[in-house]
C-alpha atoms as a PDB file:
ATOM      1  CA  UNK A   1      91.169 124.739  87.018  1.00  0.00           C
ATOM      2  CA  UNK A   2      93.799 126.326  84.778  1.00  0.00           C
ATOM      3  CA  UNK A   3      96.662 124.428  83.194  1.00  0.00           C
ATOM      4  CA  UNK A   4     100.142 124.993  81.861  1.00  0.00           C
ATOM      5  CA  UNK A   5     101.170 122.142  79.611  1.00  0.00           C
ATOM      6  CA  UNK A   6     104.030 120.743  77.600  1.00  0.00           C
ATOM      7  CA  UNK A   7     103.281 117.792  75.344  1.00  0.00           C
ATOM      8  CA  UNK A   8     105.301 114.997  73.785  1.00  0.00           C
ATOM      9  CA  UNK A   9     103.710 113.028  70.949  1.00  0.00           C
ATOM     10  CA  UNK A  10     103.009 109.408  71.838  1.00  0.00           C
ATOM     11  CA  UNK A  11     104.501 110.049  75.274  1.00  0.00           C
ATOM     12  CA  UNK A  12     102.903 110.984  78.613  1.00  0.00           C
ATOM     13  CA  UNK A  13     101.384 114.451  78.713  1.00  0.00           C
ATOM     14  CA  UNK A  14     102.705 116.666  81.508  1.00  0.00           C
ATOM     15  CA  UNK A  15     100.427 119.434  82.717  1.00  0.00           C
ATOM     16  CA  UNK A  16     100.295 121.334  85.983  1.00  0.00           C
ATOM     17  CA  UNK A  17      96.717 121.784  87.185  1.00  0.00           C
ATOM     18  CA  UNK A  18      96.290 124.380  89.864  1.00  0.00           C
ATOM     19  CA  UNK A  19      94.311 123.270  92.897  1.00  0.00           C
ATOM     20  CA  UNK A  20      93.760 126.565  94.813  1.00  0.00           C
ATOM     21  CA  UNK A  21      90.890 128.755  93.648  1.00  0.00           C
ATOM     22  CA  UNK A  22      93.040 131.914  93.671  1.00  0.00           C
ATOM     23  CA  UNK A  23      94.977 132.909  90.560  1.00  0.00           C
ATOM     24  CA  UNK A  24      98.402 131.293  90.387  1.00  0.00           C
ATOM     25  CA  UNK A  25     101.038 131.430  87.663  1.00  0.00           C
ATOM     26  CA  UNK A  26     103.413 128.494  87.226  1.00  0.00           C
ATOM     27  CA  UNK A  27     106.604 128.952  85.234  1.00  0.00           C
ATOM     28  CA  UNK A  28     109.959 127.269  84.721  1.00  0.00           C
ATOM     29  CA  UNK A  29     112.798 129.740  85.296  1.00  0.00           C
ATOM     30  CA  UNK A  30     116.446 129.314  84.360  1.00  0.00           C
ATOM     31  CA  UNK A  31     118.751 129.772  87.350  1.00  0.00           C
ATOM     32  CA  UNK A  32     122.451 129.336  87.999  1.00  0.00           C
ATOM     33  CA  UNK A  33     121.649 125.940  89.466  1.00  0.00           C
ATOM     34  CA  UNK A  34     119.503 124.839  86.521  1.00  0.00           C
ATOM     35  CA  UNK A  35     115.765 125.035  85.679  1.00  0.00           C
ATOM     36  CA  UNK A  36     113.516 125.855  88.646  1.00  0.00           C
ATOM     37  CA  UNK A  37     109.709 125.658  88.920  1.00  0.00           C
ATOM     38  CA  UNK A  38     108.286 128.881  90.365  1.00  0.00           C
ATOM     39  CA  UNK A  39     104.764 129.774  91.512  1.00  0.00           C
ATOM     40  CA  UNK A  40     103.976 133.483  91.322  1.00  0.00           C
ATOM     41  CA  UNK A  41     107.710 134.096  91.143  1.00  0.00           C
ATOM     42  CA  UNK A  42     108.525 132.049  94.243  1.00  0.00           C
ATOM     43  CA  UNK A  43     110.653 128.936  93.876  1.00  0.00           C
ATOM     44  CA  UNK A  44     109.008 125.605  94.703  1.00  0.00           C
ATOM     45  CA  UNK A  45     111.078 122.908  96.370  1.00  0.00           C
ATOM     46  CA  UNK A  46     112.062 120.530  93.535  1.00  0.00           C
ATOM     47  CA  UNK A  47     110.392 117.510  95.097  1.00  0.00           C
ATOM     48  CA  UNK A  48     107.687 115.484  93.376  1.00  0.00           C
ATOM     49  CA  UNK A  49     105.431 112.732  94.571  1.00  0.00           C
ATOM     50  CA  UNK A  50     104.402 110.248  91.890  1.00  0.00           C
ATOM     51  CA  UNK A  51     101.808 107.532  92.345  1.00  0.00           C
ATOM     52  CA  UNK A  52      99.225 105.575  90.423  1.00  0.00           C
ATOM     53  CA  UNK A  53      95.605 105.741  91.644  1.00  0.00           C
ATOM     54  CA  UNK A  54      93.762 102.464  91.823  1.00  0.00           C
ATOM     55  CA  UNK A  55      92.209  99.847  94.026  1.00  0.00           C
ATOM     56  CA  UNK A  56      93.802  98.012  96.877  1.00  0.00           C
ATOM     57  CA  UNK A  57      93.488  94.353  97.757  1.00  0.00           C
ATOM     58  CA  UNK A  58      91.964  92.195 100.480  1.00  0.00           C
ATOM     59  CA  UNK A  59      93.692  89.271 102.169  1.00  0.00           C
ATOM     60  CA  UNK A  60      91.911  85.949 101.888  1.00  0.00           C
ATOM     61  CA  UNK A  61      92.656  83.313 104.524  1.00  0.00           C
ATOM     62  CA  UNK A  62      91.663  79.692 104.989  1.00  0.00           C
ATOM     63  CA  UNK A  63      88.447  80.837 106.745  1.00  0.00           C
ATOM     64  CA  UNK A  64      85.410  82.253 104.956  1.00  0.00           C
ATOM     65  CA  UNK A  65      85.617  86.041 105.338  1.00  0.00           C
ATOM     66  CA  UNK A  66      83.272  88.831 104.205  1.00  0.00           C
ATOM     67  CA  UNK A  67      84.570  91.813 102.215  1.00  0.00           C
ATOM     68  CA  UNK A  68      82.937  94.907 100.707  1.00  0.00           C
ATOM     69  CA  UNK A  69      83.654  98.276  99.159  1.00  0.00           C
ATOM     70  CA  UNK A  70      81.530 101.214  98.011  1.00  0.00           C
ATOM     71  CA  UNK A  71      81.675 103.303  94.861  1.00  0.00           C
ATOM     72  CA  UNK A  72      79.592 105.968  93.115  1.00  0.00           C
ATOM     73  CA  UNK A  73      79.677 106.264  89.311  1.00  0.00           C
ATOM     74  CA  UNK A  74      79.720 109.874  88.141  1.00  0.00           C
ATOM     75  CA  UNK A  75      77.294 109.121  85.295  1.00  0.00           C
ATOM     76  CA  UNK A  76      74.911 106.409  84.086  1.00  0.00           C
ATOM     77  CA  UNK A  77      76.775 103.313  82.937  1.00  0.00           C
ATOM     78  CA  UNK A  78      74.535 101.456  80.499  1.00  0.00           C
ATOM     79  CA  UNK A  79      75.559  97.856  79.794  1.00  0.00           C
ATOM     80  CA  UNK A  80      79.243  98.660  80.425  1.00  0.00           C
ATOM     81  CA  UNK A  81      79.815  98.133  84.148  1.00  0.00           C
ATOM     82  CA  UNK A  82      81.970  95.154  85.145  1.00  0.00           C
ATOM     83  CA  UNK A  83      83.456  93.678  88.313  1.00  0.00           C
ATOM     84  CA  UNK A  84      86.930  92.087  88.115  1.00  0.00           C
ATOM     85  CA  UNK A  85      88.634  89.650  90.466  1.00  0.00           C
ATOM     86  CA  UNK A  86      92.410  89.102  90.342  1.00  0.00           C
ATOM     87  CA  UNK A  87      94.066  86.469  92.515  1.00  0.00           C
ATOM     88  CA  UNK A  88      97.789  87.149  92.371  1.00  0.00           C
ATOM     89  CA  UNK A  89     100.506  85.052  90.785  1.00  0.00           C
ATOM     90  CA  UNK A  90     100.857  82.087  93.099  1.00  0.00           C
ATOM     91  CA  UNK A  91      99.394  78.583  92.635  1.00  0.00           C
ATOM     92  CA  UNK A  92      96.563  77.369  94.819  1.00  0.00           C
ATOM     93  CA  UNK A  93      92.794  77.301  95.172  1.00  0.00           C
ATOM     94  CA  UNK A  94      90.500  80.254  95.852  1.00  0.00           C
ATOM     95  CA  UNK A  95      86.757  80.164  96.490  1.00  0.00           C
ATOM     96  CA  UNK A  96      84.289  83.060  96.182  1.00  0.00           C
ATOM     97  CA  UNK A  97      80.584  83.169  97.031  1.00  0.00           C
ATOM     98  CA  UNK A  98      77.726  85.593  97.724  1.00  0.00           C
ATOM     99  CA  UNK A  99      78.898  88.188  95.183  1.00  0.00           C
ATOM    100  CA  UNK A 100      76.529  91.164  95.005  1.00  0.00           C
ATOM    101  CA  UNK A 101      76.551  94.622  93.421  1.00  0.00           C
ATOM    102  CA  UNK A 102      73.769  96.514  95.209  1.00  0.00           C
ATOM    103  CA  UNK A 103      72.431 100.011  94.641  1.00  0.00           C
ATOM    104  CA  UNK A 104      72.379 101.311  98.232  1.00  0.00           C
ATOM    105  CA  UNK A 105      69.736 103.902  97.310  1.00  0.00           C
ATOM    106  CA  UNK A 106      67.155 101.554  95.766  1.00  0.00           C
ATOM    107  CA  UNK A 107      68.335  98.213  97.144  1.00  0.00           C
ATOM    108  CA  UNK A 108      68.325  96.740  93.616  1.00  0.00           C
ATOM    109  CA  UNK A 109      70.917  94.184  92.547  1.00  0.00           C
ATOM    110  CA  UNK A 110      72.888  95.102  89.429  1.00  0.00           C
ATOM    111  CA  UNK A 111      74.241  91.536  89.141  1.00  0.00           C
ATOM    112  CA  UNK A 112      72.154  88.379  89.293  1.00  0.00           C
ATOM    113  CA  UNK A 113      72.330  86.968  92.827  1.00  0.00           C
ATOM    114  CA  UNK A 114      72.540  83.391  91.526  1.00  0.00           C
ATOM    115  CA  UNK A 115      75.432  83.899  89.140  1.00  0.00           C
ATOM    116  CA  UNK A 116      77.537  81.174  90.854  1.00  0.00           C
ATOM    117  CA  UNK A 117      74.640  78.717  91.272  1.00  0.00           C
ATOM    118  CA  UNK A 118      76.162  76.248  88.813  1.00  0.00           C
ATOM    119  CA  UNK A 119      78.539  76.142  85.863  1.00  0.00           C
ATOM    120  CA  UNK A 120      75.853  77.204  83.376  1.00  0.00           C
ATOM    121  CA  UNK A 121      74.981  80.274  85.468  1.00  0.00           C
ATOM    122  CA  UNK A 122      78.654  81.166  85.843  1.00  0.00           C
ATOM    123  CA  UNK A 123      79.220  81.005  82.085  1.00  0.00           C
ATOM    124  CA  UNK A 124      76.086  83.105  81.506  1.00  0.00           C
ATOM    125  CA  UNK A 125      77.117  85.937  83.817  1.00  0.00           C
ATOM    126  CA  UNK A 126      80.930  85.719  84.002  1.00  0.00           C
ATOM    127  CA  UNK A 127      83.987  85.472  81.792  1.00  0.00           C
ATOM    128  CA  UNK A 128      87.724  85.089  82.279  1.00  0.00           C
ATOM    129  CA  UNK A 129      90.840  86.468  80.646  1.00  0.00           C
ATOM    130  CA  UNK A 130      92.944  85.418  78.899  1.00  0.00           C
ATOM    131  CA  UNK A 131      90.932  82.875  76.959  1.00  0.00           C
ATOM    132  CA  UNK A 132      91.850  79.704  75.109  1.00  0.00           C
ATOM    133  CA  UNK A 133      95.482  78.607  74.944  1.00  0.00           C
ATOM    134  CA  UNK A 134      96.639  81.963  76.285  1.00  0.00           C
ATOM    135  CA  UNK A 135      95.127  81.014  79.664  1.00  0.00           C
ATOM    136  CA  UNK A 136      97.985  78.944  81.057  1.00  0.00           C
ATOM    137  CA  UNK A 137      97.178  79.231  84.770  1.00  0.00           C
ATOM    138  CA  UNK A 138      93.488  79.183  85.727  1.00  0.00           C
ATOM    139  CA  UNK A 139      90.545  76.782  85.776  1.00  0.00           C
ATOM    140  CA  UNK A 140      87.093  77.603  87.164  1.00  0.00           C
ATOM    141  CA  UNK A 141      84.156  75.572  88.444  1.00  0.00           C
ATOM    142  CA  UNK A 142      80.887  76.829  89.932  1.00  0.00           C
ATOM    143  CA  UNK A 143      78.661  74.658  92.128  1.00  0.00           C
ATOM    144  CA  UNK A 144      76.079  75.356  94.848  1.00  0.00           C
ATOM    145  CA  UNK A 145      76.719  79.104  94.725  1.00  0.00           C
ATOM    146  CA  UNK A 146      80.501  78.828  95.104  1.00  0.00           C
ATOM    147  CA  UNK A 147      83.085  79.597  92.429  1.00  0.00           C
ATOM    148  CA  UNK A 148      86.318  77.629  92.795  1.00  0.00           C
ATOM    149  CA  UNK A 149      89.342  79.019  90.958  1.00  0.00           C
ATOM    150  CA  UNK A 150      92.394  76.779  90.738  1.00  0.00           C
ATOM    151  CA  UNK A 151      95.694  78.416  89.784  1.00  0.00           C
ATOM    152  CA  UNK A 152      98.808  76.589  88.579  1.00  0.00           C
ATOM    153  CA  UNK A 153     102.276  77.810  87.694  1.00  0.00           C
ATOM    154  CA  UNK A 154     102.544  78.442  83.921  1.00  0.00           C
ATOM    155  CA  UNK A 155     104.949  76.132  82.107  1.00  0.00           C
ATOM    156  CA  UNK A 156     106.646  79.126  80.487  1.00  0.00           C
ATOM    157  CA  UNK A 157     107.166  80.778  83.866  1.00  0.00           C
ATOM    158  CA  UNK A 158     105.401  83.971  82.691  1.00  0.00           C
ATOM    159  CA  UNK A 159     102.082  84.655  84.446  1.00  0.00           C
ATOM    160  CA  UNK A 160      99.383  86.329  82.338  1.00  0.00           C
ATOM    161  CA  UNK A 161      97.083  88.950  83.877  1.00  0.00           C
ATOM    162  CA  UNK A 162      94.545  86.272  84.722  1.00  0.00           C
ATOM    163  CA  UNK A 163      91.221  87.571  86.050  1.00  0.00           C
ATOM    164  CA  UNK A 164      87.554  86.651  86.279  1.00  0.00           C
ATOM    165  CA  UNK A 165      85.027  89.359  85.429  1.00  0.00           C
ATOM    166  CA  UNK A 166      81.272  89.642  85.189  1.00  0.00           C
ATOM    167  CA  UNK A 167      79.486  90.356  81.946  1.00  0.00           C
ATOM    168  CA  UNK A 168      78.400  93.978  81.753  1.00  0.00           C
ATOM    169  CA  UNK A 169      75.808  95.440  84.127  1.00  0.00           C
ATOM    170  CA  UNK A 170      73.897  98.738  84.297  1.00  0.00           C
ATOM    171  CA  UNK A 171      74.706 101.353  86.920  1.00  0.00           C
ATOM    172  CA  UNK A 172      72.893 104.597  87.782  1.00  0.00           C
ATOM    173  CA  UNK A 173      75.045 107.692  87.929  1.00  0.00           C
ATOM    174  CA  UNK A 174      75.517 109.575  91.211  1.00  0.00           C
ATOM    175  CA  UNK A 175      74.011 106.738  93.235  1.00  0.00           C
ATOM    176  CA  UNK A 176      76.129 104.732  95.668  1.00  0.00           C
ATOM    177  CA  UNK A 177      76.752 101.008  95.139  1.00  0.00           C
ATOM    178  CA  UNK A 178      78.203  98.376  97.413  1.00  0.00           C
ATOM    179  CA  UNK A 179      80.141  95.369  96.180  1.00  0.00           C
ATOM    180  CA  UNK A 180      80.203  92.526  98.691  1.00  0.00           C
ATOM    181  CA  UNK A 181      81.430  88.929  98.634  1.00  0.00           C
ATOM    182  CA  UNK A 182      82.897  86.169 100.779  1.00  0.00           C
ATOM    183  CA  UNK A 183      86.117  84.376  99.983  1.00  0.00           C
ATOM    184  CA  UNK A 184      88.638  81.887 101.278  1.00  0.00           C
ATOM    185  CA  UNK A 185      91.907  80.402 100.001  1.00  0.00           C
ATOM    186  CA  UNK A 186      93.860  77.229 100.707  1.00  0.00           C
ATOM    187  CA  UNK A 187      96.805  79.486 101.614  1.00  0.00           C
ATOM    188  CA  UNK A 188      96.677  83.201 102.507  1.00  0.00           C
ATOM    189  CA  UNK A 189      96.676  85.373  99.390  1.00  0.00           C
ATOM    190  CA  UNK A 190      95.712  88.836  98.217  1.00  0.00           C
ATOM    191  CA  UNK A 191      92.578  89.193  96.081  1.00  0.00           C
ATOM    192  CA  UNK A 192      92.121  92.384  94.040  1.00  0.00           C
ATOM    193  CA  UNK A 193      88.489  93.233  93.197  1.00  0.00           C
ATOM    194  CA  UNK A 194      87.666  96.378  91.200  1.00  0.00           C
ATOM    195  CA  UNK A 195      84.746  97.930  89.305  1.00  0.00           C
ATOM    196  CA  UNK A 196      85.194  99.439  85.830  1.00  0.00           C
ATOM    197  CA  UNK A 197      83.211 101.334  83.214  1.00  0.00           C
ATOM    198  CA  UNK A 198      84.119 100.061  79.724  1.00  0.00           C
ATOM    199  CA  UNK A 199      82.084 102.569  77.702  1.00  0.00           C
ATOM    200  CA  UNK A 200      83.673 103.238  74.325  1.00  0.00           C
ATOM    201  CA  UNK A 201      86.280 100.542  74.841  1.00  0.00           C
ATOM    202  CA  UNK A 202      87.977 102.721  77.472  1.00  0.00           C
ATOM    203  CA  UNK A 203      88.511 101.140  80.880  1.00  0.00           C
ATOM    204  CA  UNK A 204      87.657 103.713  83.552  1.00  0.00           C
ATOM    205  CA  UNK A 205      88.194 102.671  87.160  1.00  0.00           C
ATOM    206  CA  UNK A 206      85.063 103.145  89.285  1.00  0.00           C
ATOM    207  CA  UNK A 207      86.112 101.770  92.645  1.00  0.00           C
ATOM    208  CA  UNK A 208      87.585  99.050  94.783  1.00  0.00           C
ATOM    209  CA  UNK A 209      89.069  98.487  98.238  1.00  0.00           C
ATOM    210  CA  UNK A 210      91.098 101.491  99.425  1.00  0.00           C
ATOM    211  CA  UNK A 211      94.593 101.501  97.973  1.00  0.00           C
ATOM    212  CA  UNK A 212      97.810 103.178  99.088  1.00  0.00           C
ATOM    213  CA  UNK A 213      97.700 106.172  96.745  1.00  0.00           C
ATOM    214  CA  UNK A 214      95.801 108.682  98.898  1.00  0.00           C
ATOM    215  CA  UNK A 215      97.705 107.674 102.037  1.00  0.00           C
ATOM    216  CA  UNK A 216     100.930 108.302 100.137  1.00  0.00           C
ATOM    217  CA  UNK A 217      99.639 111.710  98.974  1.00  0.00           C
ATOM    218  CA  UNK A 218      99.033 112.512 102.661  1.00  0.00           C
ATOM    219  CA  UNK A 219     102.586 111.475 103.568  1.00  0.00           C
ATOM    220  CA  UNK A 220     103.915 113.739 100.818  1.00  0.00           C
ATOM    221  CA  UNK A 221     101.697 116.594 102.047  1.00  0.00           C
ATOM    222  CA  UNK A 222     103.011 116.242 105.601  1.00  0.00           C
ATOM    223  CA  UNK A 223     106.559 116.348 104.233  1.00  0.00           C
ATOM    224  CA  UNK A 224     105.821 119.606 102.408  1.00  0.00           C
ATOM    225  CA  UNK A 225     105.665 118.026  98.941  1.00  0.00           C
ATOM    226  CA  UNK A 226     102.810 119.649  97.017  1.00  0.00           C
ATOM    227  CA  UNK A 227     103.758 118.694  93.452  1.00  0.00           C
ATOM    228  CA  UNK A 228     101.672 115.553  92.940  1.00  0.00           C
ATOM    229  CA  UNK A 229     102.047 113.563  89.728  1.00  0.00           C
ATOM    230  CA  UNK A 230      99.847 110.608  88.845  1.00  0.00           C
ATOM    231  CA  UNK A 231      98.559 108.543  85.932  1.00  0.00           C
ATOM    232  CA  UNK A 232      95.193 109.789  84.674  1.00  0.00           C
ATOM    233  CA  UNK A 233      92.690 108.807  81.944  1.00  0.00           C
ATOM    234  CA  UNK A 234      92.673 110.844  78.726  1.00  0.00           C
ATOM    235  CA  UNK A 235      88.873 110.382  78.347  1.00  0.00           C
ATOM    236  CA  UNK A 236      89.015 109.899  74.558  1.00  0.00           C
ATOM    237  CA  UNK A 237      85.677 108.579  73.330  1.00  0.00           C
ATOM    238  CA  UNK A 238      84.314 107.892  69.850  1.00  0.00           C
ATOM    239  CA  UNK A 239      82.799 110.971  68.121  1.00  0.00           C
ATOM    240  CA  UNK A 240      79.224 109.729  68.470  1.00  0.00           C
ATOM    241  CA  UNK A 241      79.625 109.420  72.257  1.00  0.00           C
ATOM    242  CA  UNK A 242      79.137 112.249  74.713  1.00  0.00           C
ATOM    243  CA  UNK A 243      82.395 113.672  76.008  1.00  0.00           C
ATOM    244  CA  UNK A 244      82.788 112.886  79.708  1.00  0.00           C
ATOM    245  CA  UNK A 245      85.648 114.301  81.782  1.00  0.00           C
ATOM    246  CA  UNK A 246      84.315 112.640  84.935  1.00  0.00           C
ATOM    247  CA  UNK A 247      87.075 109.999  85.248  1.00  0.00           C
ATOM    248  CA  UNK A 248      89.960 112.496  85.192  1.00  0.00           C
ATOM    249  CA  UNK A 249      88.004 114.975  87.342  1.00  0.00           C
ATOM    250  CA  UNK A 250      87.460 112.267  89.952  1.00  0.00           C
ATOM    251  CA  UNK A 251      91.189 111.519  90.189  1.00  0.00           C
ATOM    252  CA  UNK A 252      92.036 115.227  90.560  1.00  0.00           C
ATOM    253  CA  UNK A 253      89.342 115.814  93.173  1.00  0.00           C
ATOM    254  CA  UNK A 254      90.562 112.794  95.129  1.00  0.00           C
ATOM    255  CA  UNK A 255      94.056 114.281  95.403  1.00  0.00           C
ATOM    256  CA  UNK A 256      92.757 117.740  96.337  1.00  0.00           C
ATOM    257  CA  UNK A 257      90.555 116.252  99.051  1.00  0.00           C
ATOM    258  CA  UNK A 258      93.742 114.987 100.722  1.00  0.00           C
ATOM    259  CA  UNK A 259      95.952 117.996  99.935  1.00  0.00           C
ATOM    260  CA  UNK A 260      94.076 121.195  98.969  1.00  0.00           C
ATOM    261  CA  UNK A 261      97.428 122.888  98.253  1.00  0.00           C
ATOM    262  CA  UNK A 262      98.489 120.280  95.716  1.00  0.00           C
ATOM    263  CA  UNK A 263      99.751 121.266  92.275  1.00  0.00           C
ATOM    264  CA  UNK A 264      98.449 118.438  90.113  1.00  0.00           C
ATOM    265  CA  UNK A 265     100.656 116.955  87.405  1.00  0.00           C
ATOM    266  CA  UNK A 266      98.583 114.271  85.641  1.00  0.00           C
ATOM    267  CA  UNK A 267     100.317 111.960  83.167  1.00  0.00           C
ATOM    268  CA  UNK A 268      98.103 110.763  80.342  1.00  0.00           C
ATOM    269  CA  UNK A 269      98.758 108.502  77.383  1.00  0.00           C
ATOM    270  CA  UNK A 270      99.358 109.940  73.932  1.00  0.00           C
ATOM    271  CA  UNK A 271      98.208 106.669  72.346  1.00  0.00           C
ATOM    272  CA  UNK A 272      94.933 106.525  70.385  1.00  0.00           C
ATOM    273  CA  UNK A 273      92.402 104.179  72.033  1.00  0.00           C
ATOM    274  CA  UNK A 274      91.426 100.809  70.608  1.00  0.00           C
ATOM    275  CA  UNK A 275      88.249 102.127  68.936  1.00  0.00           C
ATOM    276  CA  UNK A 276      90.353 104.602  66.925  1.00  0.00           C
ATOM    277  CA  UNK A 277      92.712 101.881  65.670  1.00  0.00           C
ATOM    278  CA  UNK A 278      89.763  99.680  64.720  1.00  0.00           C
ATOM    279  CA  UNK A 279      88.350 102.497  62.590  1.00  0.00           C
ATOM    280  CA  UNK A 280      91.740 103.542  61.220  1.00  0.00           C
ATOM    281  CA  UNK A 281      93.728 100.336  60.639  1.00  0.00           C
ATOM    282  CA  UNK A 282      96.090 102.273  58.359  1.00  0.00           C
ATOM    283  CA  UNK A 283      97.376 104.057  61.471  1.00  0.00           C
ATOM    284  CA  UNK A 284      98.577 100.872  63.182  1.00  0.00           C
ATOM    285  CA  UNK A 285     102.246 100.193  63.734  1.00  0.00           C
ATOM    286  CA  UNK A 286     103.495  97.463  61.355  1.00  0.00           C
ATOM    287  CA  UNK A 287     106.401  95.210  62.329  1.00  0.00           C
ATOM    288  CA  UNK A 288     108.270  92.599  60.289  1.00  0.00           C
ATOM    289  CA  UNK A 289     106.014  89.778  61.399  1.00  0.00           C
ATOM    290  CA  UNK A 290     102.840  91.347  62.791  1.00  0.00           C
ATOM    291  CA  UNK A 291     100.651  94.437  63.130  1.00  0.00           C
ATOM    292  CA  UNK A 292     100.959  96.142  66.510  1.00  0.00           C
ATOM    293  CA  UNK A 293      98.184  97.326  68.813  1.00  0.00           C
ATOM    294  CA  UNK A 294      99.300 100.970  68.820  1.00  0.00           C
ATOM    295  CA  UNK A 295      99.537 103.787  66.318  1.00  0.00           C
ATOM    296  CA  UNK A 296     102.625 104.488  64.239  1.00  0.00           C
ATOM    297  CA  UNK A 297     104.328 107.770  65.131  1.00  0.00           C
ATOM    298  CA  UNK A 298     104.704 108.407  61.373  1.00  0.00           C
ATOM    299  CA  UNK A 299     100.945 108.469  60.766  1.00  0.00           C
ATOM    300  CA  UNK A 300     100.125 112.164  60.557  1.00  0.00           C
ATOM    301  CA  UNK A 301      96.355 111.736  60.912  1.00  0.00           C
ATOM    302  CA  UNK A 302      96.772 109.800  64.140  1.00  0.00           C
ATOM    303  CA  UNK A 303      99.196 112.405  65.451  1.00  0.00           C
ATOM    304  CA  UNK A 304      96.723 115.148  64.600  1.00  0.00           C
ATOM    305  CA  UNK A 305      93.906 113.302  66.375  1.00  0.00           C
ATOM    306  CA  UNK A 306      96.088 112.836  69.468  1.00  0.00           C
ATOM    307  CA  UNK A 307      96.973 116.537  69.541  1.00  0.00           C
ATOM    308  CA  UNK A 308      93.318 117.529  69.285  1.00  0.00           C
ATOM    309  CA  UNK A 309      92.306 115.282  72.175  1.00  0.00           C
ATOM    310  CA  UNK A 310      95.181 116.409  74.369  1.00  0.00           C
ATOM    311  CA  UNK A 311      94.264 120.038  73.696  1.00  0.00           C
ATOM    312  CA  UNK A 312      90.668 119.340  74.764  1.00  0.00           C
ATOM    313  CA  UNK A 313      91.934 117.657  77.931  1.00  0.00           C
ATOM    314  CA  UNK A 314      94.237 120.582  78.781  1.00  0.00           C
ATOM    315  CA  UNK A 315      91.491 123.133  78.238  1.00  0.00           C
END
């Protein structure tokens, strides 16, 4: 795919990726009515669809119900695969059991089948976030293969992004996996499970229950809207790691599978990843009372590094 890009430092990158295989030239032309996007000299209707790819949710009821979803990692994920469960921001009690991550090709379990057997097993195979005093809403107890999560309203009124996630597992690239579990809740609620690859400290979404994004792309397609904008990973790994464009490729291919005529406009972060800030603490933003978790726009080395990665992504 070819790209035409305009960049803004420390801001989302805007680039038009051309879906059709035939040559196509995208330009912005000044007209009496203002700037107009044209494709091969023909004006495109100035209508965009914007959405954010990601997993959907499942609805838990007071009855035990089985759920599952499939995913296929594009590459081997060694000791960096993890399954997350989020439970929404309402108080109550949720129970989960029979959690499995199974390679559908070999039948092997990536996660220990007895990880909820008791509290010791849960703490061996699972974690939660946030930890310590920052966790103002959730308590967990595992017994007889069932994990019980109790959620309470935070005293401050601000809910953290509370979630339970398994310690890292290995996954084989290009082989299908199925995540399955049973759940119930004292009151109906949405549960959001999702698989991630955390290689290099970068959280790449691997799969989850179907979300709304692709259905919305289809609605836009049927309305004649072919400019599709979406959040996408920048795929910025540490120098000693192999460069992998699989995560951003997967998002683009997912859109094109729904609308082959789509003109893709991915939006990616211009922020250095956490591994970069850990290795270059001098690049971190400094405030009056603390050091921030992002790079300062005045740090020229960080800006240079961002530009280099964005250029690689565009090419």
